[in-house]
Amino acid sequence: MTPHSPRTAATRRVEFVLDLICVHSYLALTRFERAAARRRADGDRIEVVFRPFQIAPEAPAGGEPLTERHRRDFGTEAERITQHMTAVGAREGLRLDFARAVFVNTLPAHRLLAAAGRQGRAEPMAERLFRAYFTDGANIGDAATLDRLAAETGVRRGGPEEPDERALTAEIAKVRAEGVRQVPLLRFDTGTVVTGAQPEEVYFRALSETLERPVPPQQ
């Protein structure tokens, strides 16, 4: 983009692949939302489409303390890793309470997020689900908990907007078939792909790239 070609407001589309028990996905969402707010303040319209991924499809439906999972995965390093991520979250304004978190299968939460997306409430719903898991110690696999979070966010549950488990499982398989092996992953409509929890400015630059537009035919 040159000084003689100022950027004009545009409608942008971003695919955001995440899992709702993934702390790096939460960090990425927090930073991306700040970047998106800056672009929206300049008049851009940004459509965010969340796509589901499960980092632990074997996680129990009833849940277990996240600290127990961390001990199995990280052994003696679990406490150090937790303290480090807590400090990273604090720098972003997030209160990450790993000691309260309930490690759980995320299929029900992804169903709710999909329903929210079809109702135009995906971004606030994603943020609320992450906060419920990492800050409130809520079981985001529990139906009553999801009902409460949906009501808080203005999302209707149980209607045609909410995919059944078979459809959601098929979508997760499709995401993996596209080559996604870890999250977060963001695909921008310019073709740019950003993986991992990157700094806010990385997302801002990706949202500020000029879309390639076809040249209208001469009359």
C-alpha atoms as a PDB file:
ATOM      1  CA  MET A   1       0.000   0.000   0.000  1.00  0.00           C
ATOM      2  CA  THR A   2       1.531   3.347  -1.056  1.00  0.00           C
ATOM      3  CA  PRO A   3       0.871   6.854   0.325  1.00  0.00           C
ATOM      4  CA  HIS A   4      -1.194   7.508  -2.828  1.00  0.00           C
ATOM      5  CA  SER A   5      -3.533   4.531  -2.269  1.00  0.00           C
ATOM      6  CA  PRO A   6      -5.267   5.074   1.082  1.00  0.00           C
ATOM      7  CA  ARG A   7      -6.974   2.101   2.648  1.00  0.00           C
ATOM      8  CA  THR A   8     -10.757   2.169   2.408  1.00  0.00           C
ATOM      9  CA  ALA A   9     -13.219   0.487   4.762  1.00  0.00           C
ATOM     10  CA  ALA A  10     -13.909  -3.100   3.838  1.00  0.00           C
ATOM     11  CA  THR A  11     -15.775  -6.191   4.874  1.00  0.00           C
ATOM     12  CA  ARG A  12     -13.280  -8.753   6.089  1.00  0.00           C
ATOM     13  CA  ARG A  13     -13.724 -12.447   6.838  1.00  0.00           C
ATOM     14  CA  VAL A  14     -11.579 -14.366   9.295  1.00  0.00           C
ATOM     15  CA  GLU A  15     -11.745 -18.066  10.109  1.00  0.00           C
ATOM     16  CA  PHE A  16     -10.648 -18.702  13.676  1.00  0.00           C
ATOM     17  CA  VAL A  17      -9.932 -22.343  14.549  1.00  0.00           C
ATOM     18  CA  LEU A  18      -9.849 -22.934  18.310  1.00  0.00           C
ATOM     19  CA  ASP A  19     -10.630 -25.139  21.242  1.00  0.00           C
ATOM     20  CA  LEU A  20     -12.377 -23.735  24.291  1.00  0.00           C
ATOM     21  CA  ILE A  21     -10.051 -25.365  26.827  1.00  0.00           C
ATOM     22  CA  CYS A  22      -6.933 -24.109  25.037  1.00  0.00           C
ATOM     23  CA  VAL A  23      -5.247 -21.249  26.884  1.00  0.00           C
ATOM     24  CA  HIS A  24      -3.357 -20.191  23.746  1.00  0.00           C
ATOM     25  CA  SER A  25      -6.673 -19.913  21.897  1.00  0.00           C
ATOM     26  CA  TYR A  26      -7.951 -17.641  24.699  1.00  0.00           C
ATOM     27  CA  LEU A  27      -4.863 -15.451  24.477  1.00  0.00           C
ATOM     28  CA  ALA A  28      -5.174 -15.280  20.686  1.00  0.00           C
ATOM     29  CA  LEU A  29      -8.840 -14.305  20.890  1.00  0.00           C
ATOM     30  CA  THR A  30      -8.078 -11.569  23.414  1.00  0.00           C
ATOM     31  CA  ARG A  31      -5.348 -10.054  21.252  1.00  0.00           C
ATOM     32  CA  PHE A  32      -7.269 -10.508  18.004  1.00  0.00           C
ATOM     33  CA  GLU A  33     -10.356  -8.788  19.444  1.00  0.00           C
ATOM     34  CA  ARG A  34      -8.273  -5.756  20.372  1.00  0.00           C
ATOM     35  CA  ALA A  35      -6.846  -5.588  16.871  1.00  0.00           C
ATOM     36  CA  ALA A  36     -10.315  -6.033  15.358  1.00  0.00           C
ATOM     37  CA  ALA A  37     -11.688  -3.234  17.548  1.00  0.00           C
ATOM     38  CA  ARG A  38      -9.078  -0.872  16.118  1.00  0.00           C
ATOM     39  CA  ARG A  39      -9.982  -1.783  12.544  1.00  0.00           C
ATOM     40  CA  ARG A  40     -13.708  -1.543  13.299  1.00  0.00           C
ATOM     41  CA  ALA A  41     -13.145   1.923  14.726  1.00  0.00           C
ATOM     42  CA  ASP A  42     -11.882   2.847  11.249  1.00  0.00           C
ATOM     43  CA  GLY A  43     -15.108   1.581   9.709  1.00  0.00           C
ATOM     44  CA  ASP A  44     -14.191  -1.971   8.727  1.00  0.00           C
ATOM     45  CA  ARG A  45     -16.746  -4.732   9.066  1.00  0.00           C
ATOM     46  CA  ILE A  46     -15.131  -7.948  10.270  1.00  0.00           C
ATOM     47  CA  GLU A  47     -16.903 -11.283  10.140  1.00  0.00           C
ATOM     48  CA  VAL A  48     -15.316 -13.876  12.428  1.00  0.00           C
ATOM     49  CA  VAL A  49     -16.220 -17.504  11.780  1.00  0.00           C
ATOM     50  CA  PHE A  50     -15.179 -19.857  14.566  1.00  0.00           C
ATOM     51  CA  ARG A  51     -14.368 -23.424  13.580  1.00  0.00           C
ATOM     52  CA  PRO A  52     -14.099 -26.241  16.119  1.00  0.00           C
ATOM     53  CA  PHE A  53     -11.056 -28.244  17.107  1.00  0.00           C
ATOM     54  CA  GLN A  54     -10.510 -30.627  20.003  1.00  0.00           C
ATOM     55  CA  ILE A  55      -7.071 -30.830  21.546  1.00  0.00           C
ATOM     56  CA  ALA A  56      -8.310 -33.604  23.853  1.00  0.00           C
ATOM     57  CA  PRO A  57     -11.228 -35.482  22.264  1.00  0.00           C
ATOM     58  CA  GLU A  58     -10.777 -38.138  24.948  1.00  0.00           C
ATOM     59  CA  ALA A  59     -11.504 -35.657  27.754  1.00  0.00           C
ATOM     60  CA  PRO A  60     -14.245 -36.895  30.102  1.00  0.00           C
ATOM     61  CA  ALA A  61     -17.796 -35.666  29.595  1.00  0.00           C
ATOM     62  CA  GLY A  62     -18.191 -35.287  33.352  1.00  0.00           C
ATOM     63  CA  GLY A  63     -14.949 -33.343  33.767  1.00  0.00           C
ATOM     64  CA  GLU A  64     -12.007 -33.594  36.153  1.00  0.00           C
ATOM     65  CA  PRO A  65      -9.739 -31.017  37.821  1.00  0.00           C
ATOM     66  CA  LEU A  66      -7.400 -29.504  35.258  1.00  0.00           C
ATOM     67  CA  THR A  67      -4.560 -29.770  37.757  1.00  0.00           C
ATOM     68  CA  GLU A  68      -4.816 -33.566  37.603  1.00  0.00           C
ATOM     69  CA  ARG A  69      -4.532 -33.522  33.820  1.00  0.00           C
ATOM     70  CA  HIS A  70      -1.540 -31.189  34.052  1.00  0.00           C
ATOM     71  CA  ARG A  71       0.200 -33.534  36.465  1.00  0.00           C
ATOM     72  CA  ARG A  72      -0.236 -36.431  34.049  1.00  0.00           C
ATOM     73  CA  ASP A  73       0.919 -34.407  31.043  1.00  0.00           C
ATOM     74  CA  PHE A  74       3.718 -32.317  32.539  1.00  0.00           C
ATOM     75  CA  GLY A  75       4.763 -34.102  35.730  1.00  0.00           C
ATOM     76  CA  THR A  76       7.064 -32.002  37.885  1.00  0.00           C
ATOM     77  CA  GLU A  77       6.946 -29.166  35.332  1.00  0.00           C
ATOM     78  CA  ALA A  78       3.193 -28.642  35.797  1.00  0.00           C
ATOM     79  CA  GLU A  79       3.433 -25.963  38.494  1.00  0.00           C
ATOM     80  CA  ARG A  80       6.099 -23.969  36.649  1.00  0.00           C
ATOM     81  CA  ILE A  81       4.103 -24.026  33.408  1.00  0.00           C
ATOM     82  CA  THR A  82       0.930 -22.988  35.213  1.00  0.00           C
ATOM     83  CA  GLN A  83       2.652 -20.081  36.949  1.00  0.00           C
ATOM     84  CA  HIS A  84       4.153 -18.922  33.669  1.00  0.00           C
ATOM     85  CA  MET A  85       0.821 -18.979  31.821  1.00  0.00           C
ATOM     86  CA  THR A  86      -0.916 -17.243  34.728  1.00  0.00           C
ATOM     87  CA  ALA A  87       1.602 -14.405  34.455  1.00  0.00           C
ATOM     88  CA  VAL A  88       1.188 -14.214  30.659  1.00  0.00           C
ATOM     89  CA  GLY A  89      -2.573 -13.986  31.086  1.00  0.00           C
ATOM     90  CA  ALA A  90      -2.260 -11.277  33.725  1.00  0.00           C
ATOM     91  CA  ARG A  91      -0.269  -9.117  31.314  1.00  0.00           C
ATOM     92  CA  GLU A  92      -3.229  -9.380  28.919  1.00  0.00           C
ATOM     93  CA  GLY A  93      -5.723  -8.451  31.634  1.00  0.00           C
ATOM     94  CA  LEU A  94      -6.932 -12.052  32.072  1.00  0.00           C
ATOM     95  CA  ARG A  95      -7.301 -13.859  35.366  1.00  0.00           C
ATOM     96  CA  LEU A  96      -6.390 -17.468  34.673  1.00  0.00           C
ATOM     97  CA  ASP A  97      -7.275 -19.695  37.613  1.00  0.00           C
ATOM     98  CA  PHE A  98      -5.966 -23.109  36.593  1.00  0.00           C
ATOM     99  CA  ALA A  99      -6.589 -24.510  40.070  1.00  0.00           C
ATOM    100  CA  ARG A 100     -10.352 -24.059  39.612  1.00  0.00           C
ATOM    101  CA  ALA A 101     -10.633 -25.134  35.975  1.00  0.00           C
ATOM    102  CA  VAL A 102     -12.618 -28.261  35.107  1.00  0.00           C
ATOM    103  CA  PHE A 103     -10.983 -30.200  32.273  1.00  0.00           C
ATOM    104  CA  VAL A 104     -13.858 -31.478  30.138  1.00  0.00           C
ATOM    105  CA  ASN A 105     -14.890 -32.608  26.672  1.00  0.00           C
ATOM    106  CA  THR A 106     -15.658 -29.510  24.613  1.00  0.00           C
ATOM    107  CA  LEU A 107     -18.233 -30.885  22.154  1.00  0.00           C
ATOM    108  CA  PRO A 108     -21.218 -29.318  24.008  1.00  0.00           C
ATOM    109  CA  ALA A 109     -19.450 -25.938  24.251  1.00  0.00           C
ATOM    110  CA  HIS A 110     -18.602 -26.013  20.543  1.00  0.00           C
ATOM    111  CA  ARG A 111     -22.261 -26.704  19.758  1.00  0.00           C
ATOM    112  CA  LEU A 112     -23.244 -23.605  21.715  1.00  0.00           C
ATOM    113  CA  LEU A 113     -20.587 -21.502  19.976  1.00  0.00           C
ATOM    114  CA  ALA A 114     -21.854 -22.692  16.584  1.00  0.00           C
ATOM    115  CA  ALA A 115     -25.397 -21.698  17.535  1.00  0.00           C
ATOM    116  CA  ALA A 116     -24.139 -18.296  18.681  1.00  0.00           C
ATOM    117  CA  GLY A 117     -22.379 -17.800  15.356  1.00  0.00           C
ATOM    118  CA  ARG A 118     -25.605 -18.373  13.444  1.00  0.00           C
ATOM    119  CA  GLN A 119     -27.263 -15.784  15.686  1.00  0.00           C
ATOM    120  CA  GLY A 120     -24.556 -13.166  15.217  1.00  0.00           C
ATOM    121  CA  ARG A 121     -23.209 -13.582  18.775  1.00  0.00           C
ATOM    122  CA  ALA A 122     -20.116 -15.703  18.177  1.00  0.00           C
ATOM    123  CA  GLU A 123     -17.449 -13.340  19.480  1.00  0.00           C
ATOM    124  CA  PRO A 124     -19.066 -12.518  22.840  1.00  0.00           C
ATOM    125  CA  MET A 125     -20.027 -16.174  23.266  1.00  0.00           C
ATOM    126  CA  ALA A 126     -16.472 -17.373  22.660  1.00  0.00           C
ATOM    127  CA  GLU A 127     -15.114 -14.864  25.183  1.00  0.00           C
ATOM    128  CA  ARG A 128     -17.715 -15.888  27.773  1.00  0.00           C
ATOM    129  CA  LEU A 129     -16.971 -19.588  27.357  1.00  0.00           C
ATOM    130  CA  PHE A 130     -13.246 -19.014  27.767  1.00  0.00           C
ATOM    131  CA  ARG A 131     -13.794 -16.862  30.859  1.00  0.00           C
ATOM    132  CA  ALA A 132     -16.160 -19.438  32.344  1.00  0.00           C
ATOM    133  CA  TYR A 133     -13.526 -22.135  31.938  1.00  0.00           C
ATOM    134  CA  PHE A 134     -10.335 -20.310  32.856  1.00  0.00           C
ATOM    135  CA  THR A 135     -11.597 -17.784  35.417  1.00  0.00           C
ATOM    136  CA  ASP A 136     -14.891 -18.977  36.905  1.00  0.00           C
ATOM    137  CA  GLY A 137     -14.049 -22.665  37.245  1.00  0.00           C
ATOM    138  CA  ALA A 138     -17.305 -23.550  35.470  1.00  0.00           C
ATOM    139  CA  ASN A 139     -17.877 -26.918  33.812  1.00  0.00           C
ATOM    140  CA  ILE A 140     -18.452 -25.928  30.184  1.00  0.00           C
ATOM    141  CA  GLY A 141     -19.579 -29.447  29.373  1.00  0.00           C
ATOM    142  CA  ASP A 142     -22.554 -29.169  31.741  1.00  0.00           C
ATOM    143  CA  ALA A 143     -25.908 -28.444  30.076  1.00  0.00           C
ATOM    144  CA  ALA A 144     -27.231 -26.204  32.862  1.00  0.00           C
ATOM    145  CA  THR A 145     -24.007 -24.182  32.855  1.00  0.00           C
ATOM    146  CA  LEU A 146     -24.186 -23.723  29.090  1.00  0.00           C
ATOM    147  CA  ASP A 147     -27.836 -22.665  29.372  1.00  0.00           C
ATOM    148  CA  ARG A 148     -26.819 -19.988  31.867  1.00  0.00           C
ATOM    149  CA  LEU A 149     -23.912 -18.730  29.758  1.00  0.00           C
ATOM    150  CA  ALA A 150     -26.116 -18.626  26.666  1.00  0.00           C
ATOM    151  CA  ALA A 151     -28.739 -16.586  28.510  1.00  0.00           C
ATOM    152  CA  GLU A 152     -26.076 -14.159  29.734  1.00  0.00           C
ATOM    153  CA  THR A 153     -24.873 -13.665  26.160  1.00  0.00           C
ATOM    154  CA  GLY A 154     -28.299 -13.475  24.511  1.00  0.00           C
ATOM    155  CA  VAL A 155     -28.016 -16.763  22.619  1.00  0.00           C
ATOM    156  CA  ARG A 156     -30.992 -19.077  22.075  1.00  0.00           C
ATOM    157  CA  ARG A 157     -30.357 -22.759  22.715  1.00  0.00           C
ATOM    158  CA  GLY A 158     -31.882 -25.869  21.215  1.00  0.00           C
ATOM    159  CA  GLY A 159     -33.133 -24.335  17.991  1.00  0.00           C
ATOM    160  CA  PRO A 160     -32.238 -25.147  14.392  1.00  0.00           C
ATOM    161  CA  GLU A 161     -29.127 -22.967  14.692  1.00  0.00           C
ATOM    162  CA  GLU A 162     -27.491 -25.470  17.051  1.00  0.00           C
ATOM    163  CA  PRO A 163     -25.828 -28.371  15.211  1.00  0.00           C
ATOM    164  CA  ASP A 164     -26.300 -31.889  16.509  1.00  0.00           C
ATOM    165  CA  GLU A 165     -23.331 -33.895  17.736  1.00  0.00           C
ATOM    166  CA  ARG A 166     -22.959 -35.778  14.450  1.00  0.00           C
ATOM    167  CA  ALA A 167     -22.746 -32.571  12.409  1.00  0.00           C
ATOM    168  CA  LEU A 168     -20.253 -31.049  14.815  1.00  0.00           C
ATOM    169  CA  THR A 169     -18.077 -34.160  14.813  1.00  0.00           C
ATOM    170  CA  ALA A 170     -18.085 -34.074  10.998  1.00  0.00           C
ATOM    171  CA  GLU A 171     -16.964 -30.434  11.056  1.00  0.00           C
ATOM    172  CA  ILE A 172     -14.117 -31.236  13.452  1.00  0.00           C
ATOM    173  CA  ALA A 173     -13.024 -34.056  11.134  1.00  0.00           C
ATOM    174  CA  LYS A 174     -13.169 -31.643   8.200  1.00  0.00           C
ATOM    175  CA  VAL A 175     -10.918 -29.152  10.001  1.00  0.00           C
ATOM    176  CA  ARG A 176      -8.358 -31.894  10.647  1.00  0.00           C
ATOM    177  CA  ALA A 177      -8.596 -33.054   7.034  1.00  0.00           C
ATOM    178  CA  GLU A 178      -7.611 -29.512   6.005  1.00  0.00           C
ATOM    179  CA  GLY A 179      -4.312 -30.063   7.789  1.00  0.00           C
ATOM    180  CA  VAL A 180      -4.939 -28.309  11.101  1.00  0.00           C
ATOM    181  CA  ARG A 181      -3.007 -30.062  13.843  1.00  0.00           C
ATOM    182  CA  GLN A 182      -2.810 -27.387  16.524  1.00  0.00           C
ATOM    183  CA  VAL A 183      -4.680 -24.281  17.577  1.00  0.00           C
ATOM    184  CA  PRO A 184      -5.186 -21.401  17.498  1.00  0.00           C
ATOM    185  CA  LEU A 185      -5.085 -20.891  13.747  1.00  0.00           C
ATOM    186  CA  LEU A 186      -6.502 -17.861  11.942  1.00  0.00           C
ATOM    187  CA  ARG A 187      -7.109 -17.683   8.187  1.00  0.00           C
ATOM    188  CA  PHE A 188      -7.628 -14.210   6.760  1.00  0.00           C
ATOM    189  CA  ASP A 189      -9.446 -13.486   3.519  1.00  0.00           C
ATOM    190  CA  THR A 190      -6.193 -12.231   1.975  1.00  0.00           C
ATOM    191  CA  GLY A 191      -4.750 -15.731   2.274  1.00  0.00           C
ATOM    192  CA  THR A 192      -2.648 -14.920   5.315  1.00  0.00           C
ATOM    193  CA  VAL A 193      -2.559 -17.684   7.952  1.00  0.00           C
ATOM    194  CA  VAL A 194      -1.474 -16.950  11.519  1.00  0.00           C
ATOM    195  CA  THR A 195      -0.828 -19.756  13.982  1.00  0.00           C
ATOM    196  CA  GLY A 196      -0.305 -19.602  17.712  1.00  0.00           C
ATOM    197  CA  ALA A 197      -1.070 -16.804  20.156  1.00  0.00           C
ATOM    198  CA  GLN A 198       0.684 -13.956  18.356  1.00  0.00           C
ATOM    199  CA  PRO A 199       1.032 -10.327  19.502  1.00  0.00           C
ATOM    200  CA  GLU A 200      -1.864  -7.975  18.818  1.00  0.00           C
ATOM    201  CA  GLU A 201       0.089  -6.160  16.098  1.00  0.00           C
ATOM    202  CA  VAL A 202       0.392  -9.362  14.052  1.00  0.00           C
ATOM    203  CA  TYR A 203      -3.391  -9.625  13.885  1.00  0.00           C
ATOM    204  CA  PHE A 204      -3.734  -5.912  13.217  1.00  0.00           C
ATOM    205  CA  ARG A 205      -1.355  -6.094  10.261  1.00  0.00           C
ATOM    206  CA  ALA A 206      -3.217  -9.092   8.864  1.00  0.00           C
ATOM    207  CA  LEU A 207      -6.520  -7.214   9.152  1.00  0.00           C
ATOM    208  CA  SER A 208      -4.940  -4.155   7.509  1.00  0.00           C
ATOM    209  CA  GLU A 209      -3.742  -5.967   4.390  1.00  0.00           C
ATOM    210  CA  THR A 210      -5.409  -4.811   1.192  1.00  0.00           C
ATOM    211  CA  LEU A 211      -7.723  -7.305  -0.422  1.00  0.00           C
ATOM    212  CA  GLU A 212      -7.045  -8.106  -4.060  1.00  0.00           C
ATOM    213  CA  ARG A 213     -10.078  -6.757  -5.897  1.00  0.00           C
ATOM    214  CA  PRO A 214     -10.938  -7.518  -9.522  1.00  0.00           C
ATOM    215  CA  VAL A 215     -10.587  -4.587 -11.928  1.00  0.00           C
ATOM    216  CA  PRO A 216     -14.026  -3.689 -13.299  1.00  0.00           C
ATOM    217  CA  PRO A 217     -14.379  -4.137 -17.055  1.00  0.00           C
ATOM    218  CA  GLN A 218     -14.099  -1.063 -19.262  1.00  0.00           C
ATOM    219  CA  GLN A 219     -17.395   0.218 -20.569  1.00  0.00           C
END
